[in-house]
Amino acid sequence: MALSTDRRTLQEPDAGTAPDRAASEAGRGVRATWRYTVGSIVLYCVFVNGISTLLMLGSGEPGWQLLDGVVLALTVASTTALIRYCWFFRGGLGAGLPGRRYTLWLLIPSAALWVLGLAQDHTVWIGALPLWFACNALAVVVSRRRRWWVTGVGLVLLIVHGPLGLILGHAMSGPFWDEGGMISVALWALMTPLLFVASIWWWEIVLRLDDSRRTSGELAVAKERLRFAADLHDIQGHHLQVIALKTELAGRLLDSDPESARTQINEAQALARTALEDTRALVHGYRAVSLAAEAANAAEVLRAAGIACSVDVDAVGLPPEERTLFGLVIREATTNILRHSEATTVALRLARSRGGFVLTVRNDGVAENGTSRPGGSGIDGLHRRFEAVGGGVHTERSNGEFILVATAPGQAPDDGGADSSADSGVAPVPAGSRARSGSTATDLPLGDQP
């Protein structure tokens, strides 16, 4: 199981720490799923314990009895311990027992209620319900083999509570029996293990899917880095091997045939210059920014990271220099979204305006606490580059969105609109479209270069 490594660290967690690293690094949607999961379990426990408490307090003799006060105090303690224990479910099934004090707090009040329930007619079987809940909570955090034992022991304690009450001379009568309360308790008892285990099993699936989403984005970057490394090895390896052979030969010929040695040295120098030129060409081609490629790569990488991306690019009439600048903006924005944002949707739009061209990148990954992210050196570098051509770059927050806007003067299209489109090298991409499946994240590793 992918979560097994982190689960071994739960022996003594602090009250405010998240047990599972994957859960703590999860995005906004995964955290919302966790809140929904644990919230459903907590509401169910509070509701059932509340109803069972009312049945235990309202079915006895009229008036307030000392035993009723004890029952109420133990129920509150048991319910509070159960709610606190639910937060240890975040590590998934078999996450490991938390600190001993939490387990004792969970079991002792519910066990006392189980014993106290045998002291009155109207609390037989109802008093066993809190201990049954505690056993189910314990079954979530223990290993799979122990889970069956804990659930079995809890089921035995639940079933034998009624016969023990009969042996002790209690009569199965009163509103709890006459008005169908026993049927409700039986249904709640049957639903409890299904709710606890199934909910946390589903939470584990969500964690694995989120981990796969992050891994897909990382693999796209790693794949491109390996491609670049392979190309560099092919260029440098061949040239360096030949240079080594020629210099070795020149060393041997230096005494016997100086002219031939000089020839070999000159050829080695020429090969070294060729290797340097090829390396520069490779790096230049790797770092060259194509607006079309950047838009496609951005959509592909964001989709691999589980972020919905819409792209609308119209660069007809945009000069080559400014196409490069806008490509850098797309690269930097994509990198920042992946590294610093919790976005679920991104909209990328390059359109003509009265003063030139405007590129807008919107994402809904604004921090929940309302604080805006710093621009960073990448945005500052882009701002200086755009100022040099008469444009600008700025960021803003609006209606829960983080917006990056880059403007450049561009140029008016000539009469040959089709030719301008061809020169731009960028075909408009319909809004809402995704990147081609065959595109790769070629420029993402260099996102911090501006």
Protein backbone atom coordinates (compact mmCIF):
# COMPACT_ATOMS: atom_id res chain seq x y z
CA MET A 1 0.00 0.00 0.00
CA ALA A 2 1.38 3.40 -1.00
CA LEU A 3 0.60 4.97 2.34
CA SER A 4 2.28 2.35 4.51
CA THR A 5 5.58 4.23 4.94
CA ASP A 6 4.03 7.32 6.46
CA ARG A 7 1.61 5.39 8.62
CA ARG A 8 4.34 3.98 10.80
CA THR A 9 4.92 7.45 12.27
CA LEU A 10 1.62 7.60 14.14
CA GLN A 11 2.70 6.12 17.43
CA GLU A 12 2.45 9.37 19.38
CA PRO A 13 0.99 12.21 17.28
CA ASP A 14 0.40 15.68 18.60
CA ALA A 15 -3.12 16.97 18.69
CA GLY A 16 -2.57 19.45 15.89
CA THR A 17 -0.45 17.46 13.43
CA ALA A 18 -1.66 15.72 10.29
CA PRO A 19 -0.79 12.02 10.43
CA ASP A 20 -0.25 11.51 6.74
CA ARG A 21 2.21 13.49 4.60
CA ALA A 22 0.24 12.89 1.41
CA ALA A 23 -2.89 14.28 3.02
CA SER A 24 -1.08 17.36 4.33
CA GLU A 25 0.33 18.13 0.86
CA ALA A 26 -2.97 17.57 -0.88
CA GLY A 27 -4.77 20.23 -2.85
CA ARG A 28 -7.93 22.09 -1.98
CA GLY A 29 -10.28 19.50 -3.48
CA VAL A 30 -8.68 16.64 -1.56
CA ARG A 31 -8.86 18.56 1.71
CA ALA A 32 -12.53 19.29 1.04
CA THR A 33 -13.10 15.56 0.52
CA TRP A 34 -11.45 14.84 3.86
CA ARG A 35 -13.62 17.41 5.63
CA TYR A 36 -16.72 15.90 4.07
CA THR A 37 -15.65 12.37 5.03
CA VAL A 38 -14.79 13.07 8.65
CA GLY A 39 -17.75 15.43 8.98
CA SER A 40 -20.16 12.71 7.88
CA ILE A 41 -18.75 10.24 10.41
CA VAL A 42 -18.82 12.81 13.22
CA LEU A 43 -22.41 13.89 12.50
CA TYR A 44 -23.52 10.27 12.43
CA CYS A 45 -21.84 9.54 15.76
CA VAL A 46 -23.26 12.66 17.41
CA PHE A 47 -26.76 11.91 16.11
CA VAL A 48 -26.85 8.25 17.16
CA ASN A 49 -25.25 8.90 20.56
CA GLY A 50 -27.65 11.75 21.15
CA ILE A 51 -30.71 9.62 20.35
CA SER A 52 -29.43 6.69 22.42
CA THR A 53 -28.80 9.02 25.36
CA LEU A 54 -32.34 10.34 25.17
CA LEU A 55 -33.63 6.76 25.13
CA MET A 56 -31.59 5.89 28.21
CA LEU A 57 -32.64 9.01 30.10
CA GLY A 58 -36.27 9.18 29.01
CA SER A 59 -37.35 5.57 29.48
CA GLY A 60 -36.66 5.26 33.21
CA GLU A 61 -38.49 6.47 36.25
CA PRO A 62 -39.84 10.06 36.28
CA GLY A 63 -37.56 12.65 37.80
CA TRP A 64 -33.82 13.16 37.74
CA GLN A 65 -31.84 10.27 39.18
CA LEU A 66 -28.20 10.14 40.18
CA LEU A 67 -27.62 7.33 37.72
CA ASP A 68 -28.98 9.52 34.94
CA GLY A 69 -26.33 12.12 35.66
CA VAL A 70 -23.59 9.50 35.52
CA VAL A 71 -24.96 8.19 32.23
CA LEU A 72 -25.05 11.69 30.76
CA ALA A 73 -21.48 12.48 31.84
CA LEU A 74 -20.13 9.20 30.47
CA THR A 75 -22.00 9.69 27.19
CA VAL A 76 -20.55 13.17 26.71
CA ALA A 77 -17.04 11.88 27.49
CA SER A 78 -17.46 8.89 25.15
CA THR A 79 -18.82 11.02 22.28
CA THR A 80 -16.06 13.61 22.66
CA ALA A 81 -13.38 10.91 22.63
CA LEU A 82 -14.95 9.33 19.54
CA ILE A 83 -15.01 12.65 17.68
CA ARG A 84 -11.36 13.30 18.54
CA TYR A 85 -10.41 9.79 17.44
CA CYS A 86 -11.99 10.35 14.02
CA TRP A 87 -9.18 12.75 13.10
CA PHE A 88 -6.71 9.88 13.27
CA PHE A 89 -8.54 8.30 10.33
CA ARG A 90 -6.76 10.72 8.00
CA GLY A 91 -3.90 8.29 7.53
CA GLY A 92 -6.31 5.72 6.04
CA LEU A 93 -7.11 2.15 7.00
CA GLY A 94 -4.41 0.59 9.16
CA ALA A 95 -2.74 3.93 9.86
CA GLY A 96 -1.58 2.71 13.28
CA LEU A 97 -2.68 3.33 16.85
CA PRO A 98 -2.31 6.92 18.04
CA GLY A 99 -1.08 7.79 21.52
CA ARG A 100 -2.19 5.48 24.32
CA ARG A 101 -4.07 8.29 26.08
CA TYR A 102 -6.40 8.73 23.09
CA THR A 103 -7.21 5.02 22.95
CA LEU A 104 -7.86 4.84 26.70
CA TRP A 105 -10.02 7.93 26.49
CA LEU A 106 -12.00 6.23 23.73
CA LEU A 107 -12.52 2.90 25.50
CA ILE A 108 -12.91 3.67 29.23
CA PRO A 109 -16.10 5.85 29.15
CA SER A 110 -17.81 3.56 26.62
CA ALA A 111 -16.85 0.45 28.64
CA ALA A 112 -18.27 2.10 31.78
CA LEU A 113 -21.52 2.77 29.91
CA TRP A 114 -21.61 -0.88 28.81
CA VAL A 115 -21.41 -1.99 32.47
CA LEU A 116 -23.81 0.70 33.66
CA GLY A 117 -26.31 -0.33 31.02
CA LEU A 118 -26.71 -3.66 32.78
CA ALA A 119 -27.97 -1.93 35.93
CA GLN A 120 -31.38 -0.83 34.55
CA ASP A 121 -34.14 -2.37 32.47
CA HIS A 122 -34.39 0.47 29.95
CA THR A 123 -30.61 0.72 29.27
CA VAL A 124 -30.04 -2.92 28.32
CA TRP A 125 -28.60 -3.06 24.81
CA ILE A 126 -28.66 0.73 24.42
CA GLY A 127 -25.78 1.00 26.86
CA ALA A 128 -23.67 -1.27 24.61
CA LEU A 129 -23.91 1.07 21.64
CA PRO A 130 -21.08 3.51 22.64
CA LEU A 131 -18.64 0.60 23.11
CA TRP A 132 -19.64 -0.75 19.71
CA PHE A 133 -18.85 2.65 18.17
CA ALA A 134 -15.49 2.71 19.96
CA CYS A 135 -14.58 -0.74 18.65
CA ASN A 136 -15.41 0.34 15.09
CA ALA A 137 -13.25 3.44 15.43
CA LEU A 138 -10.42 1.29 16.75
CA ALA A 139 -10.85 -1.15 13.86
CA VAL A 140 -10.13 1.63 11.34
CA VAL A 141 -6.63 2.42 12.64
CA VAL A 142 -5.37 -1.12 13.35
CA SER A 143 -4.01 -3.52 10.74
CA ARG A 144 -6.27 -5.62 8.56
CA ARG A 145 -5.77 -8.81 10.58
CA ARG A 146 -6.49 -7.06 13.88
CA ARG A 147 -9.43 -5.24 12.34
CA TRP A 148 -11.44 -8.47 12.15
CA TRP A 149 -10.58 -9.32 15.74
CA VAL A 150 -11.55 -5.90 17.08
CA THR A 151 -14.80 -5.87 15.11
CA GLY A 152 -15.59 -9.41 16.24
CA VAL A 153 -14.98 -8.59 19.90
CA GLY A 154 -17.16 -5.49 19.64
CA LEU A 155 -19.94 -7.48 17.98
CA VAL A 156 -19.82 -10.11 20.72
CA LEU A 157 -20.01 -7.44 23.43
CA LEU A 158 -22.97 -5.86 21.64
CA ILE A 159 -24.88 -9.12 21.27
CA VAL A 160 -24.28 -10.52 24.77
CA HIS A 161 -25.39 -7.31 26.47
CA GLY A 162 -29.07 -8.20 26.17
CA PRO A 163 -28.81 -11.83 27.39
CA LEU A 164 -26.67 -10.65 30.32
CA GLY A 165 -29.40 -8.19 31.22
CA LEU A 166 -31.96 -11.02 31.18
CA ILE A 167 -29.71 -13.17 33.37
CA LEU A 168 -29.46 -10.27 35.83
CA GLY A 169 -33.27 -10.20 36.05
CA HIS A 170 -34.09 -7.20 33.89
CA ALA A 171 -37.31 -7.25 31.88
CA MET A 172 -37.30 -6.28 28.21
CA SER A 173 -40.11 -3.76 28.45
CA GLY A 174 -40.78 -0.05 28.29
CA PRO A 175 -41.00 2.52 25.50
CA PHE A 176 -37.70 1.39 24.01
CA TRP A 177 -39.13 -2.06 23.33
CA ASP A 178 -42.77 -1.20 22.79
CA GLU A 179 -42.29 1.69 20.33
CA GLY A 180 -39.73 0.11 17.99
CA GLY A 181 -36.58 1.61 19.47
CA MET A 182 -34.84 -1.74 19.33
CA ILE A 183 -35.18 -1.84 15.54
CA SER A 184 -33.52 1.57 15.24
CA VAL A 185 -30.63 0.55 17.46
CA ALA A 186 -30.14 -2.63 15.43
CA LEU A 187 -30.04 -0.65 12.15
CA TRP A 188 -27.54 1.84 13.56
CA ALA A 189 -25.36 -1.00 14.81
CA LEU A 190 -25.34 -2.62 11.36
CA MET A 191 -24.58 0.65 9.55
CA THR A 192 -21.66 1.65 11.79
CA PRO A 193 -18.88 -0.66 10.46
CA LEU A 194 -19.97 -0.02 6.88
CA LEU A 195 -19.89 3.75 7.39
CA PHE A 196 -16.53 3.84 9.16
CA VAL A 197 -14.57 1.43 6.99
CA ALA A 198 -16.18 2.33 3.65
CA SER A 199 -15.72 6.07 4.20
CA ILE A 200 -12.03 5.74 5.02
CA TRP A 201 -11.52 3.28 2.17
CA TRP A 202 -12.95 5.91 -0.19
CA TRP A 203 -10.69 8.55 1.37
CA GLU A 204 -7.69 6.33 0.63
CA ILE A 205 -8.73 6.13 -3.03
CA VAL A 206 -8.92 9.92 -3.22
CA LEU A 207 -5.40 10.19 -1.78
CA ARG A 208 -4.03 7.70 -4.30
CA LEU A 209 -5.66 9.53 -7.20
CA ASP A 210 -4.25 12.84 -6.01
CA ASP A 211 -0.80 11.28 -5.66
CA SER A 212 -1.08 9.91 -9.21
CA ARG A 213 -2.05 13.36 -10.46
CA ARG A 214 1.04 14.95 -8.93
CA THR A 215 3.24 12.13 -10.19
CA SER A 216 2.01 12.63 -13.76
CA GLY A 217 3.13 16.24 -13.74
CA GLU A 218 6.52 15.34 -12.26
CA LEU A 219 7.03 12.58 -14.84
CA ALA A 220 6.33 15.01 -17.69
CA VAL A 221 9.13 17.26 -16.44
CA ALA A 222 11.50 14.35 -15.76
CA LYS A 223 10.88 12.92 -19.24
CA GLU A 224 11.89 16.17 -20.90
CA ARG A 225 14.99 16.48 -18.75
CA LEU A 226 16.04 12.97 -19.76
CA ARG A 227 15.52 13.85 -23.43
CA PHE A 228 17.72 16.91 -23.10
CA ALA A 229 20.37 14.91 -21.22
CA ALA A 230 20.38 12.26 -23.95
CA ASP A 231 20.81 14.87 -26.72
CA LEU A 232 23.62 16.55 -24.83
CA HIS A 233 25.34 13.20 -24.27
CA ASP A 234 25.12 12.34 -27.97
CA ILE A 235 26.74 15.63 -28.98
CA GLN A 236 29.40 15.89 -26.32
CA GLY A 237 30.23 12.18 -26.14
CA HIS A 238 31.09 11.83 -29.83
CA HIS A 239 33.15 14.99 -30.07
CA LEU A 240 35.04 14.47 -26.84
CA GLN A 241 35.95 10.91 -27.78
CA VAL A 242 37.38 12.00 -31.13
CA ILE A 243 39.21 14.93 -29.51
CA ALA A 244 40.75 12.57 -26.96
CA LEU A 245 41.94 10.20 -29.69
CA LYS A 246 43.44 13.00 -31.81
CA THR A 247 45.29 14.62 -28.89
CA GLU A 248 46.62 11.21 -27.86
CA LEU A 249 47.82 10.62 -31.42
CA ALA A 250 49.38 14.07 -31.53
CA GLY A 251 51.29 13.30 -28.35
CA ARG A 252 52.74 10.16 -29.90
CA LEU A 253 53.72 11.96 -33.13
CA LEU A 254 55.17 15.01 -31.43
CA ASP A 255 58.77 13.74 -31.50
CA SER A 256 58.76 11.63 -34.65
CA ASP A 257 56.50 13.71 -36.93
CA PRO A 258 55.84 17.22 -35.57
CA GLU A 259 53.96 18.29 -38.70
CA SER A 260 51.45 15.46 -38.40
CA ALA A 261 51.13 16.16 -34.69
CA ARG A 262 50.35 19.79 -35.47
CA THR A 263 47.70 18.68 -37.94
CA GLN A 264 46.07 16.45 -35.35
CA ILE A 265 46.06 19.27 -32.80
CA ASN A 266 44.46 21.65 -35.30
CA GLU A 267 41.78 19.08 -36.07
CA ALA A 268 41.14 18.58 -32.34
CA GLN A 269 40.75 22.33 -31.94
CA ALA A 270 38.30 22.43 -34.84
CA LEU A 271 36.31 19.58 -33.28
CA ALA A 272 36.25 21.42 -29.93
CA ARG A 273 34.84 24.52 -31.63
CA THR A 274 32.28 22.37 -33.43
CA ALA A 275 31.26 20.73 -30.16
CA LEU A 276 30.88 24.14 -28.54
CA GLU A 277 28.72 25.40 -31.42
CA ASP A 278 26.57 22.26 -31.37
CA THR A 279 26.13 22.57 -27.61
CA ARG A 280 25.12 26.21 -27.92
CA ALA A 281 22.69 25.32 -30.70
CA LEU A 282 21.19 22.56 -28.57
CA VAL A 283 20.78 24.82 -25.53
CA HIS A 284 19.40 27.62 -27.69
CA GLY A 285 16.89 25.26 -29.26
CA TYR A 286 15.94 23.95 -25.85
CA ARG A 287 15.49 27.41 -24.38
CA ALA A 288 13.98 29.00 -27.48
CA VAL A 289 10.45 30.00 -26.68
CA SER A 290 7.69 29.21 -29.16
CA LEU A 291 4.33 30.71 -28.25
CA ALA A 292 2.45 27.84 -29.85
CA ALA A 293 4.57 25.25 -28.05
CA GLU A 294 4.32 27.07 -24.73
CA ALA A 295 0.52 27.27 -24.95
CA ALA A 296 0.26 23.57 -25.82
CA ASN A 297 2.77 22.57 -23.14
CA ALA A 298 0.98 24.65 -20.52
CA ALA A 299 -2.34 22.96 -21.23
CA GLU A 300 -0.72 19.52 -21.28
CA VAL A 301 1.16 19.93 -18.00
CA LEU A 302 -1.78 21.54 -16.20
CA ARG A 303 -4.04 18.73 -17.36
CA ALA A 304 -1.52 16.18 -16.10
CA ALA A 305 -1.68 17.96 -12.74
CA GLY A 306 -5.47 17.61 -12.65
CA ILE A 307 -6.19 21.28 -13.50
CA ALA A 308 -8.80 22.12 -16.15
CA CYS A 309 -7.25 24.49 -18.68
CA SER A 310 -8.82 26.57 -21.47
CA VAL A 311 -6.59 28.18 -24.11
CA ASP A 312 -7.52 30.96 -26.57
CA VAL A 313 -4.50 32.36 -28.43
CA ASP A 314 -4.68 34.81 -31.35
CA ALA A 315 -1.18 36.05 -32.24
CA VAL A 316 -1.79 37.26 -35.79
CA GLY A 317 0.46 40.27 -36.37
CA LEU A 318 2.50 39.74 -33.20
CA PRO A 319 6.23 40.37 -33.82
CA PRO A 320 8.66 37.47 -33.16
CA GLU A 321 10.30 39.24 -30.20
CA GLU A 322 6.99 39.74 -28.45
CA ARG A 323 5.87 36.19 -29.25
CA THR A 324 8.96 35.09 -27.33
CA LEU A 325 8.06 37.37 -24.41
CA PHE A 326 4.49 36.10 -24.23
CA GLY A 327 5.81 32.54 -24.37
CA LEU A 328 7.98 33.31 -21.35
CA VAL A 329 4.93 34.65 -19.51
CA ILE A 330 2.99 31.45 -20.18
CA ARG A 331 5.95 29.37 -18.99
CA GLU A 332 6.39 31.39 -15.80
CA ALA A 333 2.66 31.42 -15.05
CA THR A 334 2.41 27.65 -15.53
CA THR A 335 5.37 27.04 -13.25
CA ASN A 336 3.97 29.31 -10.53
CA ILE A 337 0.54 27.68 -10.70
CA LEU A 338 2.05 24.21 -10.28
CA ARG A 339 4.42 25.24 -7.48
CA HIS A 340 2.48 27.79 -5.45
CA SER A 341 -1.21 27.50 -6.33
CA GLU A 342 -4.12 25.24 -5.47
CA ALA A 343 -5.93 26.00 -8.69
CA THR A 344 -8.56 23.74 -10.20
CA THR A 345 -9.20 25.79 -13.36
CA VAL A 346 -6.92 27.97 -15.49
CA ALA A 347 -7.90 30.23 -18.38
CA LEU A 348 -5.19 31.46 -20.79
CA ARG A 349 -6.15 34.09 -23.36
CA LEU A 350 -4.06 36.16 -25.77
CA ALA A 351 -6.14 38.75 -27.64
CA ARG A 352 -5.67 41.95 -29.59
CA SER A 353 -6.55 45.19 -27.86
CA ARG A 354 -6.61 48.79 -28.95
CA GLY A 355 -3.06 49.33 -27.72
CA GLY A 356 -1.56 46.04 -28.93
CA PHE A 357 -1.83 42.56 -27.41
CA VAL A 358 -2.93 41.43 -23.95
CA LEU A 359 -2.19 38.02 -22.43
CA THR A 360 -4.35 37.11 -19.43
CA VAL A 361 -3.77 34.04 -17.26
CA ARG A 362 -6.48 33.41 -14.66
CA ASN A 363 -6.58 30.72 -12.00
CA ASP A 364 -8.81 30.07 -9.00
CA GLY A 365 -5.92 29.09 -6.73
CA VAL A 366 -6.08 32.12 -4.44
CA ALA A 367 -5.16 31.17 -0.86
CA GLU A 368 -8.12 30.63 1.44
CA ASN A 369 -6.74 33.04 4.03
CA GLY A 370 -6.97 35.84 1.50
CA THR A 371 -3.24 36.59 1.33
CA SER A 372 -1.78 37.10 -2.11
CA ARG A 373 1.35 35.37 -3.26
CA PRO A 374 4.51 37.40 -3.85
CA GLY A 375 5.45 38.10 -7.43
CA GLY A 376 8.88 36.54 -7.23
CA SER A 377 12.00 37.13 -9.30
CA GLY A 378 10.47 35.53 -12.39
CA ILE A 379 7.61 38.04 -12.59
CA ASP A 380 10.01 40.91 -11.88
CA GLY A 381 12.28 39.79 -14.72
CA LEU A 382 9.32 39.59 -17.11
CA HIS A 383 8.21 43.06 -16.07
CA ARG A 384 11.61 44.51 -17.01
CA ARG A 385 11.59 42.72 -20.37
CA PHE A 386 8.12 43.98 -21.26
CA GLU A 387 9.00 47.53 -20.18
CA ALA A 388 11.86 47.44 -22.67
CA VAL A 389 9.36 46.95 -25.55
CA GLY A 390 6.81 49.43 -24.21
CA GLY A 391 4.57 46.93 -22.41
CA GLY A 392 4.12 45.74 -18.86
CA VAL A 393 3.26 42.86 -16.53
CA HIS A 394 1.12 43.04 -13.42
CA THR A 395 -0.84 40.71 -11.14
CA GLU A 396 -4.10 41.15 -9.24
CA ARG A 397 -6.70 39.28 -7.23
CA SER A 398 -10.36 39.55 -8.17
CA ASN A 399 -13.45 37.50 -7.26
CA GLY A 400 -11.42 34.63 -5.86
CA GLU A 401 -9.06 34.50 -8.86
CA PHE A 402 -5.37 35.25 -9.28
CA ILE A 403 -4.82 37.11 -12.57
CA LEU A 404 -1.56 37.67 -14.43
CA VAL A 405 -1.79 40.27 -17.22
CA ALA A 406 0.96 41.01 -19.76
CA THR A 407 0.62 43.74 -22.40
CA ALA A 408 2.76 44.52 -25.45
CA PRO A 409 2.25 47.09 -28.24
CA GLY A 410 2.47 44.59 -31.12
CA GLN A 411 1.87 45.90 -34.63
CA ALA A 412 -1.08 46.41 -36.93
CA PRO A 413 -1.70 43.48 -39.29
CA ASP A 414 -1.06 44.10 -42.97
CA ASP A 415 -3.56 43.37 -45.69
CA GLY A 416 -2.31 39.82 -46.03
CA GLY A 417 -3.90 38.55 -42.87
CA ALA A 418 -3.31 34.96 -43.84
CA ASP A 419 0.38 35.60 -44.33
CA SER A 420 0.63 37.29 -40.97
CA SER A 421 -0.97 34.31 -39.36
CA ALA A 422 1.51 32.02 -40.98
CA ASP A 423 4.40 34.20 -39.88
CA SER A 424 3.25 34.24 -36.32
CA GLY A 425 3.56 30.51 -36.05
CA VAL A 426 0.55 30.37 -33.76
CA ALA A 427 -2.87 29.14 -34.78
CA PRO A 428 -5.81 30.24 -32.62
CA VAL A 429 -6.77 27.55 -30.15
CA PRO A 430 -10.48 27.37 -29.33
CA ALA A 431 -11.44 28.23 -25.76
CA GLY A 432 -11.80 25.22 -23.53
CA SER A 433 -9.55 23.05 -25.67
CA ARG A 434 -6.81 20.93 -24.20
CA ALA A 435 -3.31 20.29 -25.35
CA ARG A 436 -2.57 17.58 -27.84
CA SER A 437 -1.86 14.26 -26.18
CA GLY A 438 1.43 14.03 -28.02
CA SER A 439 2.83 17.35 -26.76
CA THR A 440 5.40 17.39 -24.03
CA ALA A 441 6.37 19.82 -21.30
CA THR A 442 9.53 20.90 -23.10
CA ASP A 443 10.08 24.23 -21.38
CA LEU A 444 8.69 23.75 -17.92
CA PRO A 445 12.01 23.12 -16.09
CA LEU A 446 13.21 26.59 -17.16
CA GLY A 447 10.20 28.40 -15.69
CA ASP A 448 12.33 30.43 -13.26
CA GLN A 449 14.70 31.78 -15.89
CA PRO A 450 13.00 35.14 -16.68
